Amino acid sequence: MILLAGDFRQTLPVVPRGTPADELNACLKASPLWNNVKTLSLTTNMRVQLQNDQSAAQFSKQLLDLGNGKVPVDATSGLITLTNDFCRFVDTQLVLIENVFPNISENYKNYAWLSQRAILAAKNNDVHALNFTIQSKIAGDLVTYKSVDSITNPDDVVNYPTEFLNSLEIPGFPPHNLQLKVGTVIMILRNLNPPRLCNGTRLSVKRLMPNLIEATIINGKFFMGQFCYLQFEQETRSIFDEKKNSS
């Protein structure tokens, strides 16, 4: 028996250069194994129940209505209208940054403030643009970390030129040219030392060295405020340097 957990109302599988039909065909429901799957539904939002927050309960209901297709669709435009208490729309990325990270040039030192704020984006290009703009508002010089772009087998040099390796944007890996500042928020992409350093752990950079990053954990009930060191030659190689080796 295999236990799987997920939400079909979330984003469809990403198929590179695929059509909407390709994305639907990649779903579990399109598999012949789906006929043998027994589905069980969770009905209680434990976060809302434990916090007893009425506004969170209302927001949870709105999300469910949106995911279940219960929000009325405009017959003319084919679009839905989201209420003002559900979300706020902005015209540019700069306005979005200012709303989520107001006065970040001073507040980036406040770990409690940082831990409650994040911007989600669907595409890497948007992520890179947002990160670049936000970092530009923090004082200090950029430090560059580049991924390994050498070939272990000399016979493969012609097939995998350096320019090609540097252009790869692999899901779950940082870009080839990773630029950071002191005060930048970074995220662990691998379970390095659970439960302290796990996939999704957020940290604020305190010091940047050639092969070492000193950072402070800014999320997690038990580890917030603790220092840690990310060393490139050892376990964090899989985060920053493995991208070209795995190619």
Protein backbone atom coordinates (compact mmCIF):
# COMPACT_ATOMS: atom_id res chain seq x y z
CA MET A 1 0.00 0.00 0.00
CA ILE A 2 1.24 3.49 -0.89
CA LEU A 3 -0.07 6.65 0.78
CA LEU A 4 -0.09 9.80 -1.37
CA ALA A 5 -1.11 13.26 -0.21
CA GLY A 6 -1.92 16.26 -2.34
CA ASP A 7 -4.48 18.76 -3.57
CA PHE A 8 -5.80 18.56 -7.12
CA ARG A 9 -6.83 22.21 -6.91
CA GLN A 10 -3.21 23.29 -6.95
CA THR A 11 -1.00 23.92 -9.97
CA LEU A 12 -0.98 21.25 -12.65
CA PRO A 13 2.25 19.33 -13.35
CA VAL A 14 4.77 21.41 -15.29
CA VAL A 15 5.59 19.89 -18.69
CA PRO A 16 8.41 21.83 -20.42
CA ARG A 17 7.14 23.24 -23.72
CA GLY A 18 3.96 21.20 -23.24
CA THR A 19 0.36 22.06 -24.05
CA PRO A 20 -2.52 22.17 -21.54
CA ALA A 21 -3.47 18.71 -22.79
CA ASP A 22 0.04 17.45 -21.98
CA GLU A 23 -0.29 18.81 -18.44
CA LEU A 24 -3.63 17.07 -17.93
CA ASN A 25 -2.21 13.81 -19.28
CA ALA A 26 0.66 14.06 -16.77
CA CYS A 27 -1.76 14.12 -13.82
CA LEU A 28 -2.27 11.09 -11.62
CA LYS A 29 -5.93 10.93 -12.61
CA ALA A 30 -4.87 10.21 -16.20
CA SER A 31 -2.87 7.16 -15.10
CA PRO A 32 -4.39 3.65 -15.48
CA LEU A 33 -3.45 3.18 -11.83
CA TRP A 34 -6.09 5.74 -10.81
CA ASN A 35 -8.82 3.08 -10.99
CA ASN A 36 -7.10 1.30 -8.08
CA VAL A 37 -6.79 4.42 -5.91
CA LYS A 38 -9.06 4.96 -2.93
CA THR A 39 -9.49 8.64 -2.09
CA LEU A 40 -9.95 10.02 1.42
CA SER A 41 -10.70 13.70 2.03
CA LEU A 42 -9.52 15.89 4.90
CA THR A 43 -12.29 18.23 5.99
CA THR A 44 -10.87 20.19 8.95
CA ASN A 45 -8.38 23.01 8.57
CA MET A 46 -6.27 22.40 11.67
CA ARG A 47 -4.43 25.71 11.45
CA VAL A 48 -7.71 27.63 11.53
CA GLN A 49 -9.17 25.43 14.26
CA LEU A 50 -6.16 25.66 16.58
CA GLN A 51 -5.76 29.43 16.19
CA ASN A 52 -9.52 30.11 16.37
CA ASP A 53 -9.04 32.96 13.91
CA GLN A 54 -12.29 33.98 12.22
CA SER A 55 -10.54 35.95 9.48
CA ALA A 56 -8.40 32.89 8.69
CA ALA A 57 -11.54 30.77 8.57
CA GLN A 58 -13.13 33.19 6.09
CA PHE A 59 -10.00 33.21 3.94
CA SER A 60 -9.88 29.40 4.01
CA LYS A 61 -13.49 29.22 2.80
CA GLN A 62 -12.74 31.67 -0.01
CA LEU A 63 -9.80 29.52 -1.14
CA LEU A 64 -11.97 26.40 -1.16
CA ASP A 65 -14.72 28.16 -3.12
CA LEU A 66 -12.14 29.34 -5.65
CA GLY A 67 -10.60 25.88 -6.01
CA ASN A 68 -13.99 24.18 -6.28
CA GLY A 69 -15.17 26.54 -9.00
CA LYS A 70 -17.91 28.11 -6.90
CA VAL A 71 -16.89 31.71 -7.63
CA PRO A 72 -19.28 33.23 -10.23
CA VAL A 73 -17.83 33.65 -13.72
CA ASP A 74 -18.59 36.76 -15.76
CA ALA A 75 -20.46 35.63 -18.88
CA THR A 76 -18.93 38.35 -21.05
CA SER A 77 -15.25 38.15 -20.13
CA GLY A 78 -15.11 34.60 -18.80
CA LEU A 79 -13.24 35.91 -15.76
CA ILE A 80 -13.96 35.79 -12.04
CA THR A 81 -13.93 38.73 -9.62
CA LEU A 82 -12.01 38.47 -6.35
CA THR A 83 -13.28 40.52 -3.43
CA ASN A 84 -11.18 43.21 -1.78
CA ASP A 85 -10.97 41.27 1.49
CA PHE A 86 -9.44 38.31 -0.37
CA CYS A 87 -6.48 40.01 -2.02
CA ARG A 88 -5.18 43.31 -3.32
CA PHE A 89 -3.98 43.88 -6.87
CA VAL A 90 -0.98 46.04 -7.76
CA ASP A 91 0.14 47.40 -11.13
CA THR A 92 3.90 46.77 -10.98
CA GLN A 93 6.49 44.60 -9.27
CA LEU A 94 7.91 47.67 -7.54
CA VAL A 95 4.57 48.37 -5.87
CA LEU A 96 4.31 44.71 -4.88
CA ILE A 97 7.77 44.81 -3.27
CA GLU A 98 6.95 48.01 -1.43
CA ASN A 99 3.75 46.49 -0.04
CA VAL A 100 5.35 43.22 1.08
CA PHE A 101 8.77 44.59 2.13
CA PRO A 102 8.22 48.24 3.10
CA ASN A 103 11.43 50.10 3.99
CA ILE A 104 13.49 46.93 3.64
CA SER A 105 16.72 48.94 3.69
CA GLU A 106 16.18 49.24 7.46
CA ASN A 107 13.88 46.34 8.29
CA TYR A 108 16.05 43.59 6.79
CA LYS A 109 17.83 43.32 10.15
CA ASN A 110 14.56 42.41 11.89
CA TYR A 111 14.34 38.61 11.67
CA ALA A 112 10.82 38.41 13.08
CA TRP A 113 9.68 40.90 10.44
CA LEU A 114 11.42 38.98 7.64
CA SER A 115 10.07 35.59 8.72
CA GLN A 116 6.49 36.74 8.11
CA ARG A 117 7.04 37.98 4.55
CA ALA A 118 7.58 36.30 1.20
CA ILE A 119 6.67 36.75 -2.46
CA LEU A 120 5.69 33.67 -4.48
CA ALA A 121 6.17 33.61 -8.24
CA ALA A 122 5.35 30.98 -10.84
CA LYS A 123 8.38 31.50 -13.10
CA ASN A 124 12.12 31.63 -12.41
CA ASN A 125 12.48 34.79 -14.49
CA ASP A 126 10.11 36.63 -12.16
CA VAL A 127 11.90 35.23 -9.11
CA HIS A 128 15.29 36.46 -10.39
CA ALA A 129 13.90 39.91 -11.21
CA LEU A 130 12.26 40.26 -7.78
CA ASN A 131 15.36 39.06 -5.95
CA PHE A 132 17.58 41.48 -7.89
CA THR A 133 15.32 44.45 -7.14
CA ILE A 134 14.94 43.61 -3.46
CA GLN A 135 18.68 43.08 -2.98
CA SER A 136 19.41 46.42 -4.65
CA LYS A 137 17.57 48.11 -1.76
CA ILE A 138 19.95 46.55 0.81
CA ALA A 139 23.26 48.30 1.43
CA GLY A 140 26.48 46.44 0.71
CA ASP A 141 28.33 44.76 -2.14
CA LEU A 142 27.16 41.74 -4.08
CA VAL A 143 29.17 38.53 -3.69
CA THR A 144 29.02 36.08 -6.58
CA TYR A 145 28.96 32.29 -6.30
CA LYS A 146 29.15 30.35 -9.56
CA SER A 147 28.21 26.72 -10.05
CA VAL A 148 30.70 24.12 -11.29
CA ASP A 149 30.77 24.17 -15.08
CA SER A 150 33.60 21.76 -15.91
CA ILE A 151 33.24 18.35 -17.57
CA THR A 152 34.80 15.33 -15.86
CA ASN A 153 35.06 13.42 -19.14
CA PRO A 154 37.12 15.37 -21.73
CA ASP A 155 35.29 13.56 -24.54
CA ASP A 156 32.05 15.32 -23.56
CA VAL A 157 33.43 18.85 -23.88
CA VAL A 158 32.11 19.21 -27.43
CA ASN A 159 28.64 17.93 -26.46
CA TYR A 160 28.34 20.10 -23.33
CA PRO A 161 30.04 23.49 -23.87
CA THR A 162 30.46 25.78 -20.89
CA GLU A 163 27.97 28.28 -22.26
CA PHE A 164 25.29 25.59 -22.45
CA LEU A 165 25.91 24.42 -18.88
CA ASN A 166 25.73 28.00 -17.59
CA SER A 167 22.39 28.57 -19.34
CA LEU A 168 20.60 25.68 -17.63
CA GLU A 169 17.81 26.58 -15.20
CA ILE A 170 17.11 23.31 -13.38
CA PRO A 171 14.08 23.23 -11.04
CA GLY A 172 15.14 23.11 -7.42
CA PHE A 173 18.59 24.58 -8.07
CA PRO A 174 19.85 28.16 -7.84
CA PRO A 175 21.07 29.94 -10.99
CA HIS A 176 24.59 29.50 -12.31
CA ASN A 177 25.52 33.03 -11.25
CA LEU A 178 24.22 33.32 -7.68
CA GLN A 179 24.63 36.83 -6.23
CA LEU A 180 24.10 37.51 -2.52
CA LYS A 181 24.49 40.32 -0.02
CA VAL A 182 24.75 40.38 3.75
CA GLY A 183 21.13 40.56 4.89
CA THR A 184 19.76 38.59 1.94
CA VAL A 185 17.24 35.86 2.77
CA ILE A 186 18.18 32.43 1.42
CA MET A 187 16.41 29.06 1.56
CA ILE A 188 17.78 25.56 2.06
CA LEU A 189 16.90 23.29 -0.87
CA ARG A 190 17.92 19.96 0.68
CA ASN A 191 17.45 18.21 4.03
CA LEU A 192 20.95 18.83 5.37
CA ASN A 193 20.45 18.33 9.09
CA PRO A 194 16.78 17.70 9.99
CA PRO A 195 14.95 19.11 11.80
CA ARG A 196 17.27 22.12 12.08
CA LEU A 197 18.26 22.55 8.43
CA CYS A 198 15.56 21.17 6.16
CA ASN A 199 14.21 21.83 2.71
CA GLY A 200 12.41 25.16 3.07
CA THR A 201 14.38 26.50 6.05
CA ARG A 202 14.88 30.25 5.60
CA LEU A 203 18.03 32.04 6.74
CA SER A 204 19.41 35.56 6.72
CA VAL A 205 22.99 35.92 5.50
CA LYS A 206 25.40 37.35 8.11
CA ARG A 207 28.76 36.85 6.40
CA LEU A 208 29.86 35.79 2.92
CA MET A 209 33.20 34.04 2.45
CA PRO A 210 34.72 32.34 -0.62
CA ASN A 211 33.60 28.83 0.35
CA LEU A 212 31.48 29.48 3.41
CA ILE A 213 28.26 31.31 4.25
CA GLU A 214 27.38 32.26 7.82
CA ALA A 215 23.64 32.70 8.27
CA THR A 216 20.93 32.98 10.93
CA ILE A 217 17.80 30.83 10.89
CA ILE A 218 14.74 33.09 10.73
CA ASN A 219 11.89 30.57 10.78
CA GLY A 220 10.94 27.61 12.93
CA LYS A 221 9.68 27.60 16.49
CA PHE A 222 12.72 25.92 18.05
CA PHE A 223 15.64 27.08 15.92
CA MET A 224 14.88 30.70 15.06
CA GLY A 225 17.89 32.92 15.78
CA GLN A 226 20.46 30.11 15.72
CA PHE A 227 23.63 30.50 13.67
CA CYS A 228 24.81 27.99 11.11
CA TYR A 229 27.54 27.67 8.51
CA LEU A 230 26.97 26.47 4.95
CA GLN A 231 30.18 25.02 3.57
CA PHE A 232 30.43 24.48 -0.15
CA GLU A 233 32.84 21.57 -0.20
CA GLN A 234 30.62 19.37 1.94
CA GLU A 235 26.86 18.95 2.28
CA THR A 236 25.85 22.27 0.71
CA ARG A 237 27.64 21.29 -2.49
CA SER A 238 24.34 19.72 -3.55
CA ILE A 239 22.69 23.13 -3.18
CA PHE A 240 25.11 25.43 -4.92
CA ASP A 241 27.59 23.35 -6.94
CA GLU A 242 25.90 20.15 -8.05
CA LYS A 243 23.91 21.71 -10.85
CA LYS A 244 26.52 21.16 -13.58
CA ASN A 245 27.79 17.84 -12.20
CA SER A 246 24.27 16.43 -12.41
CA SER A 247 24.04 17.54 -16.01
